[in-house]
Amino acid sequence: MYNARKRQEGGDTAAKYFERTECVAGVQDARFQELMPDIFHWLGITRIDRFASMSDMKYNALSSQGIEIGERLDIPDELIPDDAHVEMEAKKAAGYFTNAEAKDEIELRTIKGRNFVK
């Protein structure tokens, strides 16, 4: 998938992140988060005070299964590797949690990964 993103026309951009992922994998995200809360229930966890995940699917799976989420945290920009900004900005625009404002379609086109070198 990463090679396909780098080699597509226009390079790796946040605007085309999910399009390329779906083209290669057949779905935007193949993980099945609905089963994830089972382990929390098994461990007796009913509340997470500080949830350090930006994933809307993880949050929705936990909260829909009755696990209370206190504070949601997003990953600080300085901890996101340069090559991961394409993926993170695409995910924020698609509904991932962030305290910042999500980029619009035009801004997503300007966020690019490293150029592919043959």
PDB file of N, CA and C in Angstrom:
ATOM      1  N   MET A   1       0.830  -1.175   0.000  1.00  0.00           N
ATOM      2  CA  MET A   1       0.000   0.000   0.000  1.00  0.00           C
ATOM      3  C   MET A   1       0.879   1.246   0.000  1.00  0.00           C
ATOM      4  N   TYR A   2       1.952   1.239   0.815  1.00  0.00           N
ATOM      5  CA  TYR A   2       2.797   2.430   0.874  1.00  0.00           C
ATOM      6  C   TYR A   2       3.472   2.691  -0.473  1.00  0.00           C
ATOM      7  N   ASN A   3       3.906   1.628  -1.152  1.00  0.00           N
ATOM      8  CA  ASN A   3       4.506   1.795  -2.473  1.00  0.00           C
ATOM      9  C   ASN A   3       3.500   2.349  -3.469  1.00  0.00           C
ATOM     10  N   ALA A   4       2.267   1.859  -3.407  1.00  0.00           N
ATOM     11  CA  ALA A   4       1.224   2.356  -4.313  1.00  0.00           C
ATOM     12  C   ALA A   4       0.949   3.829  -4.051  1.00  0.00           C
ATOM     13  N   ARG A   5       0.945   4.227  -2.793  1.00  0.00           N
ATOM     14  CA  ARG A   5       0.706   5.638  -2.469  1.00  0.00           C
ATOM     15  C   ARG A   5       1.840   6.503  -2.993  1.00  0.00           C
ATOM     16  N   LYS A   6       3.066   6.071  -2.822  1.00  0.00           N
ATOM     17  CA  LYS A   6       4.222   6.857  -3.264  1.00  0.00           C
ATOM     18  C   LYS A   6       4.299   6.944  -4.789  1.00  0.00           C
ATOM     19  N   ARG A   7       3.891   5.864  -5.490  1.00  0.00           N
ATOM     20  CA  ARG A   7       4.034   5.794  -6.939  1.00  0.00           C
ATOM     21  C   ARG A   7       2.841   6.354  -7.712  1.00  0.00           C
ATOM     22  N   GLN A   8       1.741   6.677  -7.037  1.00  0.00           N
ATOM     23  CA  GLN A   8       0.575   7.185  -7.766  1.00  0.00           C
ATOM     24  C   GLN A   8       0.867   8.564  -8.352  1.00  0.00           C
ATOM     25  N   GLU A   9       0.107   8.912  -9.367  1.00  0.00           N
ATOM     26  CA  GLU A   9       0.277  10.223  -9.996  1.00  0.00           C
ATOM     27  C   GLU A   9       0.045  11.311  -8.951  1.00  0.00           C
ATOM     28  N   GLY A  10       0.974  12.242  -8.876  1.00  0.00           N
ATOM     29  CA  GLY A  10       0.883  13.311  -7.892  1.00  0.00           C
ATOM     30  C   GLY A  10       1.543  12.969  -6.572  1.00  0.00           C
ATOM     31  N   GLY A  11       1.987  11.718  -6.438  1.00  0.00           N
ATOM     32  CA  GLY A  11       2.684  11.304  -5.219  1.00  0.00           C
ATOM     33  C   GLY A  11       1.728  10.990  -4.078  1.00  0.00           C
ATOM     34  N   ASP A  12       2.295  10.813  -2.908  1.00  0.00           N
ATOM     35  CA  ASP A  12       1.565  10.450  -1.697  1.00  0.00           C
ATOM     36  C   ASP A  12       0.936  11.702  -1.096  1.00  0.00           C
ATOM     37  N   THR A  13      -0.390  11.826  -1.190  1.00  0.00           N
ATOM     38  CA  THR A  13      -1.068  12.998  -0.641  1.00  0.00           C
ATOM     39  C   THR A  13      -2.162  12.575   0.326  1.00  0.00           C
ATOM     40  N   ALA A  14      -2.429  13.435   1.291  1.00  0.00           N
ATOM     41  CA  ALA A  14      -3.483  13.167   2.265  1.00  0.00           C
ATOM     42  C   ALA A  14      -4.851  13.093   1.590  1.00  0.00           C
ATOM     43  N   ALA A  15      -5.030  13.838   0.511  1.00  0.00           N
ATOM     44  CA  ALA A  15      -6.316  13.858  -0.186  1.00  0.00           C
ATOM     45  C   ALA A  15      -6.654  12.505  -0.805  1.00  0.00           C
ATOM     46  N   LYS A  16      -5.624  11.726  -1.177  1.00  0.00           N
ATOM     47  CA  LYS A  16      -5.867  10.436  -1.834  1.00  0.00           C
ATOM     48  C   LYS A  16      -5.539   9.245  -0.938  1.00  0.00           C
ATOM     49  N   TYR A  17      -5.294   9.490   0.340  1.00  0.00           N
ATOM     50  CA  TYR A  17      -4.885   8.416   1.251  1.00  0.00           C
ATOM     51  C   TYR A  17      -5.888   7.264   1.267  1.00  0.00           C
ATOM     52  N   PHE A  18      -7.157   7.544   1.552  1.00  0.00           N
ATOM     53  CA  PHE A  18      -8.152   6.479   1.663  1.00  0.00           C
ATOM     54  C   PHE A  18      -8.483   5.852   0.307  1.00  0.00           C
ATOM     55  N   GLU A  19      -8.445   6.653  -0.749  1.00  0.00           N
ATOM     56  CA  GLU A  19      -8.708   6.131  -2.093  1.00  0.00           C
ATOM     57  C   GLU A  19      -7.682   5.052  -2.449  1.00  0.00           C
ATOM     58  N   ARG A  20      -6.422   5.329  -2.211  1.00  0.00           N
ATOM     59  CA  ARG A  20      -5.366   4.367  -2.530  1.00  0.00           C
ATOM     60  C   ARG A  20      -5.431   3.161  -1.602  1.00  0.00           C
ATOM     61  N   THR A  21      -5.715   3.380  -0.329  1.00  0.00           N
ATOM     62  CA  THR A  21      -5.828   2.275   0.626  1.00  0.00           C
ATOM     63  C   THR A  21      -6.944   1.326   0.206  1.00  0.00           C
ATOM     64  N   GLU A  22      -8.087   1.889  -0.170  1.00  0.00           N
ATOM     65  CA  GLU A  22      -9.223   1.065  -0.581  1.00  0.00           C
ATOM     66  C   GLU A  22      -8.929   0.335  -1.898  1.00  0.00           C
ATOM     67  N   CYS A  23      -8.193   0.979  -2.776  1.00  0.00           N
ATOM     68  CA  CYS A  23      -7.839   0.354  -4.056  1.00  0.00           C
ATOM     69  C   CYS A  23      -6.969  -0.881  -3.824  1.00  0.00           C
ATOM     70  N   VAL A  24      -6.038  -0.797  -2.899  1.00  0.00           N
ATOM     71  CA  VAL A  24      -5.120  -1.906  -2.638  1.00  0.00           C
ATOM     72  C   VAL A  24      -5.745  -2.948  -1.719  1.00  0.00           C
ATOM     73  N   ALA A  25      -6.350  -2.513  -0.621  1.00  0.00           N
ATOM     74  CA  ALA A  25      -6.846  -3.440   0.399  1.00  0.00           C
ATOM     75  C   ALA A  25      -8.311  -3.834   0.214  1.00  0.00           C
ATOM     76  N   GLY A  26      -9.048  -3.059  -0.581  1.00  0.00           N
ATOM     77  CA  GLY A  26     -10.464  -3.357  -0.783  1.00  0.00           C
ATOM     78  C   GLY A  26     -11.376  -2.667   0.213  1.00  0.00           C
ATOM     79  N   VAL A  27     -10.815  -2.138   1.293  1.00  0.00           N
ATOM     80  CA  VAL A  27     -11.563  -1.406   2.320  1.00  0.00           C
ATOM     81  C   VAL A  27     -10.686  -0.274   2.831  1.00  0.00           C
ATOM     82  N   GLN A  28     -11.315   0.720   3.457  1.00  0.00           N
ATOM     83  CA  GLN A  28     -10.527   1.814   4.013  1.00  0.00           C
ATOM     84  C   GLN A  28      -9.769   1.391   5.260  1.00  0.00           C
ATOM     85  N   ASP A  29     -10.347   0.496   6.042  1.00  0.00           N
ATOM     86  CA  ASP A  29      -9.687  -0.005   7.247  1.00  0.00           C
ATOM     87  C   ASP A  29     -10.192  -1.414   7.514  1.00  0.00           C
ATOM     88  N   ALA A  30      -9.307  -2.380   7.532  1.00  0.00           N
ATOM     89  CA  ALA A  30      -9.701  -3.781   7.658  1.00  0.00           C
ATOM     90  C   ALA A  30      -9.812  -4.244   9.112  1.00  0.00           C
ATOM     91  N   ARG A  31      -9.429  -3.396  10.041  1.00  0.00           N
ATOM     92  CA  ARG A  31      -9.487  -3.818  11.443  1.00  0.00           C
ATOM     93  C   ARG A  31     -10.929  -3.843  11.922  1.00  0.00           C
ATOM     94  N   PHE A  32     -11.252  -4.824  12.751  1.00  0.00           N
ATOM     95  CA  PHE A  32     -12.612  -4.998  13.253  1.00  0.00           C
ATOM     96  C   PHE A  32     -12.629  -4.599  14.727  1.00  0.00           C
ATOM     97  N   GLN A  33     -12.849  -3.315  15.001  1.00  0.00           N
ATOM     98  CA  GLN A  33     -12.720  -2.771  16.352  1.00  0.00           C
ATOM     99  C   GLN A  33     -13.842  -3.203  17.299  1.00  0.00           C
ATOM    100  N   GLU A  34     -14.942  -3.711  16.769  1.00  0.00           N
ATOM    101  CA  GLU A  34     -16.077  -4.071  17.623  1.00  0.00           C
ATOM    102  C   GLU A  34     -15.742  -5.172  18.622  1.00  0.00           C
ATOM    103  N   LEU A  35     -14.742  -5.991  18.326  1.00  0.00           N
ATOM    104  CA  LEU A  35     -14.351  -7.062  19.249  1.00  0.00           C
ATOM    105  C   LEU A  35     -13.342  -6.594  20.298  1.00  0.00           C
ATOM    106  N   MET A  36     -12.702  -5.477  20.057  1.00  0.00           N
ATOM    107  CA  MET A  36     -11.653  -4.972  20.933  1.00  0.00           C
ATOM    108  C   MET A  36     -12.101  -4.741  22.375  1.00  0.00           C
ATOM    109  N   PRO A  37     -13.314  -4.246  22.658  1.00  0.00           N
ATOM    110  CA  PRO A  37     -13.698  -4.009  24.056  1.00  0.00           C
ATOM    111  C   PRO A  37     -13.815  -5.282  24.905  1.00  0.00           C
ATOM    112  N   ASP A  38     -13.905  -6.441  24.269  1.00  0.00           N
ATOM    113  CA  ASP A  38     -14.043  -7.683  25.028  1.00  0.00           C
ATOM    114  C   ASP A  38     -12.923  -7.871  26.038  1.00  0.00           C
ATOM    115  N   ILE A  39     -11.691  -7.554  25.645  1.00  0.00           N
ATOM    116  CA  ILE A  39     -10.571  -7.726  26.567  1.00  0.00           C
ATOM    117  C   ILE A  39     -10.672  -6.756  27.744  1.00  0.00           C
ATOM    118  N   PHE A  40     -11.194  -5.552  27.495  1.00  0.00           N
ATOM    119  CA  PHE A  40     -11.390  -4.591  28.589  1.00  0.00           C
ATOM    120  C   PHE A  40     -12.411  -5.135  29.580  1.00  0.00           C
ATOM    121  N   HIS A  41     -13.499  -5.694  29.072  1.00  0.00           N
ATOM    122  CA  HIS A  41     -14.511  -6.297  29.949  1.00  0.00           C
ATOM    123  C   HIS A  41     -13.920  -7.467  30.724  1.00  0.00           C
ATOM    124  N   TRP A  42     -13.140  -8.299  30.058  1.00  0.00           N
ATOM    125  CA  TRP A  42     -12.519  -9.459  30.687  1.00  0.00           C
ATOM    126  C   TRP A  42     -11.588  -9.023  31.823  1.00  0.00           C
ATOM    127  N   LEU A  43     -10.903  -7.881  31.630  1.00  0.00           N
ATOM    128  CA  LEU A  43     -10.005  -7.354  32.665  1.00  0.00           C
ATOM    129  C   LEU A  43     -10.740  -6.536  33.730  1.00  0.00           C
ATOM    130  N   GLY A  44     -12.040  -6.321  33.547  1.00  0.00           N
ATOM    131  CA  GLY A  44     -12.823  -5.565  34.511  1.00  0.00           C
ATOM    132  C   GLY A  44     -12.699  -4.058  34.384  1.00  0.00           C
ATOM    133  N   ILE A  45     -12.223  -3.585  33.247  1.00  0.00           N
ATOM    134  CA  ILE A  45     -12.053  -2.142  33.022  1.00  0.00           C
ATOM    135  C   ILE A  45     -13.377  -1.548  32.568  1.00  0.00           C
ATOM    136  N   THR A  46     -13.863  -0.564  33.320  1.00  0.00           N
ATOM    137  CA  THR A  46     -15.128   0.088  32.986  1.00  0.00           C
ATOM    138  C   THR A  46     -14.950   1.557  32.630  1.00  0.00           C
ATOM    139  N   ARG A  47     -13.750   2.100  32.891  1.00  0.00           N
ATOM    140  CA  ARG A  47     -13.482   3.511  32.614  1.00  0.00           C
ATOM    141  C   ARG A  47     -12.026   3.689  32.221  1.00  0.00           C
ATOM    142  N   ILE A  48     -11.805   4.558  31.222  1.00  0.00           N
ATOM    143  CA  ILE A  48     -10.465   4.964  30.820  1.00  0.00           C
ATOM    144  C   ILE A  48     -10.395   6.467  31.062  1.00  0.00           C
ATOM    145  N   ASP A  49      -9.546   6.883  31.993  1.00  0.00           N
ATOM    146  CA  ASP A  49      -9.462   8.300  32.348  1.00  0.00           C
ATOM    147  C   ASP A  49      -8.883   9.153  31.217  1.00  0.00           C
ATOM    148  N   ARG A  50      -7.785   8.695  30.615  1.00  0.00           N
ATOM    149  CA  ARG A  50      -7.138   9.443  29.540  1.00  0.00           C
ATOM    150  C   ARG A  50      -6.933   8.494  28.368  1.00  0.00           C
ATOM    151  N   PHE A  51      -7.692   8.706  27.311  1.00  0.00           N
ATOM    152  CA  PHE A  51      -7.686   7.823  26.147  1.00  0.00           C
ATOM    153  C   PHE A  51      -6.723   8.386  25.110  1.00  0.00           C
ATOM    154  N   ALA A  52      -5.563   7.744  24.958  1.00  0.00           N
ATOM    155  CA  ALA A  52      -4.516   8.224  24.052  1.00  0.00           C
ATOM    156  C   ALA A  52      -4.622   7.538  22.697  1.00  0.00           C
ATOM    157  N   SER A  53      -5.763   7.676  22.066  1.00  0.00           N
ATOM    158  CA  SER A  53      -5.973   7.179  20.712  1.00  0.00           C
ATOM    159  C   SER A  53      -6.867   8.179  20.000  1.00  0.00           C
ATOM    160  N   MET A  54      -6.520   8.465  18.770  1.00  0.00           N
ATOM    161  CA  MET A  54      -7.318   9.404  17.993  1.00  0.00           C
ATOM    162  C   MET A  54      -8.386   8.691  17.166  1.00  0.00           C
ATOM    163  N   SER A  55      -8.348   7.364  17.165  1.00  0.00           N
ATOM    164  CA  SER A  55      -9.235   6.570  16.318  1.00  0.00           C
ATOM    165  C   SER A  55     -10.698   6.692  16.746  1.00  0.00           C
ATOM    166  N   ASP A  56     -11.534   7.136  15.810  1.00  0.00           N
ATOM    167  CA  ASP A  56     -12.965   7.211  16.082  1.00  0.00           C
ATOM    168  C   ASP A  56     -13.567   5.817  16.198  1.00  0.00           C
ATOM    169  N   MET A  57     -13.020   4.849  15.453  1.00  0.00           N
ATOM    170  CA  MET A  57     -13.547   3.481  15.520  1.00  0.00           C
ATOM    171  C   MET A  57     -13.261   2.837  16.884  1.00  0.00           C
ATOM    172  N   LYS A  58     -12.079   3.062  17.436  1.00  0.00           N
ATOM    173  CA  LYS A  58     -11.761   2.520  18.763  1.00  0.00           C
ATOM    174  C   LYS A  58     -12.641   3.172  19.819  1.00  0.00           C
ATOM    175  N   TYR A  59     -12.766   4.494  19.755  1.00  0.00           N
ATOM    176  CA  TYR A  59     -13.589   5.222  20.725  1.00  0.00           C
ATOM    177  C   TYR A  59     -15.039   4.746  20.664  1.00  0.00           C
ATOM    178  N   ASN A  60     -15.588   4.658  19.457  1.00  0.00           N
ATOM    179  CA  ASN A  60     -16.987   4.237  19.293  1.00  0.00           C
ATOM    180  C   ASN A  60     -17.205   2.808  19.779  1.00  0.00           C
ATOM    181  N   ALA A  61     -16.255   1.915  19.501  1.00  0.00           N
ATOM    182  CA  ALA A  61     -16.380   0.526  19.945  1.00  0.00           C
ATOM    183  C   ALA A  61     -16.392   0.451  21.471  1.00  0.00           C
ATOM    184  N   LEU A  62     -15.497   1.171  22.117  1.00  0.00           N
ATOM    185  CA  LEU A  62     -15.436   1.149  23.584  1.00  0.00           C
ATOM    186  C   LEU A  62     -16.674   1.780  24.214  1.00  0.00           C
ATOM    187  N   SER A  63     -17.026   2.971  23.767  1.00  0.00           N
ATOM    188  CA  SER A  63     -18.155   3.676  24.388  1.00  0.00           C
ATOM    189  C   SER A  63     -19.476   2.965  24.124  1.00  0.00           C
ATOM    190  N   SER A  64     -19.639   2.341  22.968  1.00  0.00           N
ATOM    191  CA  SER A  64     -20.883   1.624  22.685  1.00  0.00           C
ATOM    192  C   SER A  64     -21.013   0.349  23.518  1.00  0.00           C
ATOM    193  N   GLN A  65     -19.915  -0.128  24.056  1.00  0.00           N
ATOM    194  CA  GLN A  65     -19.922  -1.309  24.917  1.00  0.00           C
ATOM    195  C   GLN A  65     -19.928  -0.937  26.397  1.00  0.00           C
ATOM    196  N   GLY A  66     -20.202   0.351  26.692  1.00  0.00           N
ATOM    197  CA  GLY A  66     -20.371   0.788  28.067  1.00  0.00           C
ATOM    198  C   GLY A  66     -19.097   1.158  28.799  1.00  0.00           C
ATOM    199  N   ILE A  67     -17.989   1.257  28.109  1.00  0.00           N
ATOM    200  CA  ILE A  67     -16.745   1.674  28.748  1.00  0.00           C
ATOM    201  C   ILE A  67     -16.657   3.190  28.652  1.00  0.00           C
ATOM    202  N   GLU A  68     -16.597   3.824  29.806  1.00  0.00           N
ATOM    203  CA  GLU A  68     -16.593   5.287  29.873  1.00  0.00           C
ATOM    204  C   GLU A  68     -15.209   5.818  29.531  1.00  0.00           C
ATOM    205  N   ILE A  69     -15.188   6.839  28.694  1.00  0.00           N
ATOM    206  CA  ILE A  69     -13.946   7.498  28.305  1.00  0.00           C
ATOM    207  C   ILE A  69     -13.957   8.883  28.918  1.00  0.00           C
ATOM    208  N   GLY A  70     -12.917   9.195  29.707  1.00  0.00           N
ATOM    209  CA  GLY A  70     -12.805  10.527  30.307  1.00  0.00           C
ATOM    210  C   GLY A  70     -12.289  11.521  29.288  1.00  0.00           C
ATOM    211  N   GLU A  71     -11.011  11.824  29.347  1.00  0.00           N
ATOM    212  CA  GLU A  71     -10.372  12.788  28.451  1.00  0.00           C
ATOM    213  C   GLU A  71      -9.805  12.082  27.225  1.00  0.00           C
ATOM    214  N   ARG A  72     -10.067  12.639  26.066  1.00  0.00           N
ATOM    215  CA  ARG A  72      -9.473  12.115  24.828  1.00  0.00           C
ATOM    216  C   ARG A  72      -8.260  12.963  24.476  1.00  0.00           C
ATOM    217  N   LEU A  73      -7.194  12.290  24.083  1.00  0.00           N
ATOM    218  CA  LEU A  73      -5.943  12.969  23.750  1.00  0.00           C
ATOM    219  C   LEU A  73      -5.594  12.714  22.297  1.00  0.00           C
ATOM    220  N   ASP A  74      -5.078  13.732  21.635  1.00  0.00           N
ATOM    221  CA  ASP A  74      -4.545  13.486  20.296  1.00  0.00           C
ATOM    222  C   ASP A  74      -3.027  13.467  20.371  1.00  0.00           C
ATOM    223  N   ILE A  75      -2.411  12.895  19.374  1.00  0.00           N
ATOM    224  CA  ILE A  75      -0.962  12.784  19.346  1.00  0.00           C
ATOM    225  C   ILE A  75      -0.386  14.153  18.987  1.00  0.00           C
ATOM    226  N   PRO A  76       0.538  14.678  19.801  1.00  0.00           N
ATOM    227  CA  PRO A  76       1.141  15.979  19.477  1.00  0.00           C
ATOM    228  C   PRO A  76       1.901  15.910  18.149  1.00  0.00           C
ATOM    229  N   ASP A  77       1.820  16.959  17.351  1.00  0.00           N
ATOM    230  CA  ASP A  77       2.458  16.994  16.032  1.00  0.00           C
ATOM    231  C   ASP A  77       3.945  16.659  16.095  1.00  0.00           C
ATOM    232  N   GLU A  78       4.620  17.092  17.154  1.00  0.00           N
ATOM    233  CA  GLU A  78       6.066  16.852  17.231  1.00  0.00           C
ATOM    234  C   GLU A  78       6.407  15.367  17.441  1.00  0.00           C
ATOM    235  N   LEU A  79       5.414  14.554  17.790  1.00  0.00           N
ATOM    236  CA  LEU A  79       5.638  13.118  17.955  1.00  0.00           C
ATOM    237  C   LEU A  79       5.245  12.309  16.714  1.00  0.00           C
ATOM    238  N   ILE A  80       4.709  12.985  15.724  1.00  0.00           N
ATOM    239  CA  ILE A  80       4.311  12.309  14.477  1.00  0.00           C
ATOM    240  C   ILE A  80       5.476  12.408  13.492  1.00  0.00           C
ATOM    241  N   PRO A  81       6.008  11.259  13.040  1.00  0.00           N
ATOM    242  CA  PRO A  81       7.111  11.302  12.064  1.00  0.00           C
ATOM    243  C   PRO A  81       6.682  12.022  10.789  1.00  0.00           C
ATOM    244  N   ASP A  82       7.638  12.642  10.115  1.00  0.00           N
ATOM    245  CA  ASP A  82       7.338  13.410   8.903  1.00  0.00           C
ATOM    246  C   ASP A  82       6.530  12.602   7.897  1.00  0.00           C
ATOM    247  N   ASP A  83       6.899  11.354   7.655  1.00  0.00           N
ATOM    248  CA  ASP A  83       6.197  10.536   6.666  1.00  0.00           C
ATOM    249  C   ASP A  83       4.789  10.155   7.097  1.00  0.00           C
ATOM    250  N   ALA A  84       4.460  10.297   8.357  1.00  0.00           N
ATOM    251  CA  ALA A  84       3.135   9.905   8.843  1.00  0.00           C
ATOM    252  C   ALA A  84       2.123  11.045   8.769  1.00  0.00           C
ATOM    253  N   HIS A  85       2.548  12.246   8.447  1.00  0.00           N
ATOM    254  CA  HIS A  85       1.613  13.377   8.388  1.00  0.00           C
ATOM    255  C   HIS A  85       0.544  13.187   7.317  1.00  0.00           C
ATOM    256  N   VAL A  86       0.892  12.549   6.207  1.00  0.00           N
ATOM    257  CA  VAL A  86      -0.093  12.283   5.146  1.00  0.00           C
ATOM    258  C   VAL A  86      -1.235  11.458   5.731  1.00  0.00           C
ATOM    259  N   GLU A  87      -0.888  10.361   6.388  1.00  0.00           N
ATOM    260  CA  GLU A  87      -1.894   9.472   6.965  1.00  0.00           C
ATOM    261  C   GLU A  87      -2.686  10.158   8.077  1.00  0.00           C
ATOM    262  N   MET A  88      -2.009  10.845   8.979  1.00  0.00           N
ATOM    263  CA  MET A  88      -2.693  11.463  10.121  1.00  0.00           C
ATOM    264  C   MET A  88      -3.648  12.576   9.682  1.00  0.00           C
ATOM    265  N   GLU A  89      -3.237  13.402   8.747  1.00  0.00           N
ATOM    266  CA  GLU A  89      -4.120  14.484   8.301  1.00  0.00           C
ATOM    267  C   GLU A  89      -5.329  13.932   7.565  1.00  0.00           C
ATOM    268  N   ALA A  90      -5.137  12.872   6.783  1.00  0.00           N
ATOM    269  CA  ALA A  90      -6.270  12.232   6.099  1.00  0.00           C
ATOM    270  C   ALA A  90      -7.246  11.658   7.124  1.00  0.00           C
ATOM    271  N   LYS A  91      -6.716  11.022   8.157  1.00  0.00           N
ATOM    272  CA  LYS A  91      -7.568  10.417   9.179  1.00  0.00           C
ATOM    273  C   LYS A  91      -8.291  11.473  10.005  1.00  0.00           C
ATOM    274  N   LYS A  92      -7.633  12.568  10.328  1.00  0.00           N
ATOM    275  CA  LYS A  92      -8.306  13.660  11.065  1.00  0.00           C
ATOM    276  C   LYS A  92      -9.469  14.206  10.236  1.00  0.00           C
ATOM    277  N   ALA A  93      -9.244  14.390   8.941  1.00  0.00           N
ATOM    278  CA  ALA A  93     -10.307  14.903   8.059  1.00  0.00           C
ATOM    279  C   ALA A  93     -11.462  13.917   7.948  1.00  0.00           C
ATOM    280  N   ALA A  94     -11.171  12.616   8.147  1.00  0.00           N
ATOM    281  CA  ALA A  94     -12.201  11.574   8.039  1.00  0.00           C
ATOM    282  C   ALA A  94     -12.914  11.305   9.360  1.00  0.00           C
ATOM    283  N   GLY A  95     -12.516  12.005  10.430  1.00  0.00           N
ATOM    284  CA  GLY A  95     -13.234  11.845  11.686  1.00  0.00           C
ATOM    285  C   GLY A  95     -12.413  11.428  12.887  1.00  0.00           C
ATOM    286  N   TYR A  96     -11.131  11.201  12.705  1.00  0.00           N
ATOM    287  CA  TYR A  96     -10.292  10.919  13.862  1.00  0.00           C
ATOM    288  C   TYR A  96     -10.309  12.109  14.806  1.00  0.00           C
ATOM    289  N   PHE A  97     -10.184  11.848  16.099  1.00  0.00           N
ATOM    290  CA  PHE A  97     -10.225  12.901  17.106  1.00  0.00           C
ATOM    291  C   PHE A  97      -9.003  13.809  16.993  1.00  0.00           C
ATOM    292  N   THR A  98      -9.229  15.094  17.114  1.00  0.00           N
ATOM    293  CA  THR A  98      -8.154  16.070  17.194  1.00  0.00           C
ATOM    294  C   THR A  98      -8.662  17.318  17.894  1.00  0.00           C
ATOM    295  N   ASN A  99      -7.781  17.968  18.627  1.00  0.00           N
ATOM    296  CA  ASN A  99      -8.116  19.258  19.236  1.00  0.00           C
ATOM    297  C   ASN A  99      -7.945  20.386  18.231  1.00  0.00           C
ATOM    298  N   ALA A 100      -7.208  20.113  17.163  1.00  0.00           N
ATOM    299  CA  ALA A 100      -6.994  21.097  16.106  1.00  0.00           C
ATOM    300  C   ALA A 100      -8.133  21.004  15.102  1.00  0.00           C
ATOM    301  N   GLU A 101      -8.186  21.967  14.212  1.00  0.00           N
ATOM    302  CA  GLU A 101      -9.205  21.939  13.163  1.00  0.00           C
ATOM    303  C   GLU A 101      -8.730  21.034  12.031  1.00  0.00           C
ATOM    304  N   ALA A 102      -9.592  20.165  11.572  1.00  0.00           N
ATOM    305  CA  ALA A 102      -9.246  19.257  10.472  1.00  0.00           C
ATOM    306  C   ALA A 102      -9.105  20.050   9.183  1.00  0.00           C
ATOM    307  N   LYS A 103      -8.219  19.590   8.336  1.00  0.00           N
ATOM    308  CA  LYS A 103      -7.967  20.250   7.053  1.00  0.00           C
ATOM    309  C   LYS A 103      -9.105  19.950   6.076  1.00  0.00           C
ATOM    310  N   ASP A 104      -9.373  20.904   5.182  1.00  0.00           N
ATOM    311  CA  ASP A 104     -10.392  20.680   4.157  1.00  0.00           C
ATOM    312  C   ASP A 104      -9.748  20.013   2.938  1.00  0.00           C
ATOM    313  N   GLU A 105     -10.559  19.686   1.938  1.00  0.00           N
ATOM    314  CA  GLU A 105     -10.095  18.951   0.754  1.00  0.00           C
ATOM    315  C   GLU A 105      -8.950  19.667   0.045  1.00  0.00           C
ATOM    316  N   ILE A 106      -9.015  20.977  -0.058  1.00  0.00           N
ATOM    317  CA  ILE A 106      -7.960  21.735  -0.740  1.00  0.00           C
ATOM    318  C   ILE A 106      -6.654  21.661   0.050  1.00  0.00           C
ATOM    319  N   GLU A 107      -6.736  21.824   1.365  1.00  0.00           N
ATOM    320  CA  GLU A 107      -5.537  21.739   2.202  1.00  0.00           C
ATOM    321  C   GLU A 107      -4.937  20.333   2.185  1.00  0.00           C
ATOM    322  N   LEU A 108      -5.793  19.303   2.112  1.00  0.00           N
ATOM    323  CA  LEU A 108      -5.297  17.930   2.090  1.00  0.00           C
ATOM    324  C   LEU A 108      -4.443  17.656   0.854  1.00  0.00           C
ATOM    325  N   ARG A 109      -4.738  18.331  -0.249  1.00  0.00           N
ATOM    326  CA  ARG A 109      -3.959  18.134  -1.482  1.00  0.00           C
ATOM    327  C   ARG A 109      -2.537  18.644  -1.341  1.00  0.00           C
ATOM    328  N   THR A 110      -2.320  19.583  -0.419  1.00  0.00           N
ATOM    329  CA  THR A 110      -0.978  20.163  -0.258  1.00  0.00           C
ATOM    330  C   THR A 110      -0.094  19.350   0.681  1.00  0.00           C
ATOM    331  N   ILE A 111      -0.674  18.422   1.427  1.00  0.00           N
ATOM    332  CA  ILE A 111       0.097  17.609   2.370  1.00  0.00           C
ATOM    333  C   ILE A 111       0.610  16.386   1.627  1.00  0.00           C
ATOM    334  N   LYS A 112       1.923  16.353   1.425  1.00  0.00           N
ATOM    335  CA  LYS A 112       2.527  15.291   0.628  1.00  0.00           C
ATOM    336  C   LYS A 112       3.643  14.604   1.396  1.00  0.00           C
ATOM    337  N   GLY A 113       3.813  13.329   1.086  1.00  0.00           N
ATOM    338  CA  GLY A 113       4.922  12.560   1.630  1.00  0.00           C
ATOM    339  C   GLY A 113       6.178  12.764   0.785  1.00  0.00           C
ATOM    340  N   ARG A 114       7.221  12.031   1.143  1.00  0.00           N
ATOM    341  CA  ARG A 114       8.466  12.113   0.374  1.00  0.00           C
ATOM    342  C   ARG A 114       8.222  11.661  -1.066  1.00  0.00           C
ATOM    343  N   ASN A 115       8.935  12.259  -1.972  1.00  0.00           N
ATOM    344  CA  ASN A 115       8.837  11.871  -3.379  1.00  0.00           C
ATOM    345  C   ASN A 115       9.441  10.491  -3.600  1.00  0.00           C
ATOM    346  N   PHE A 116       8.847   9.748  -4.523  1.00  0.00           N
ATOM    347  CA  PHE A 116       9.371   8.438  -4.893  1.00  0.00           C
ATOM    348  C   PHE A 116      10.608   8.646  -5.774  1.00  0.00           C
ATOM    349  N   VAL A 117      11.686   7.983  -5.421  1.00  0.00           N
ATOM    350  CA  VAL A 117      12.919   8.065  -6.200  1.00  0.00           C
ATOM    351  C   VAL A 117      13.173   6.701  -6.819  1.00  0.00           C
ATOM    352  N   LYS A 118      13.305   6.669  -8.139  1.00  0.00           N
ATOM    353  CA  LYS A 118      13.539   5.402  -8.848  1.00  0.00           C
ATOM    354  C   LYS A 118      14.984   5.012  -8.789  1.00  0.00           C
TER     355      LYS A 118
END
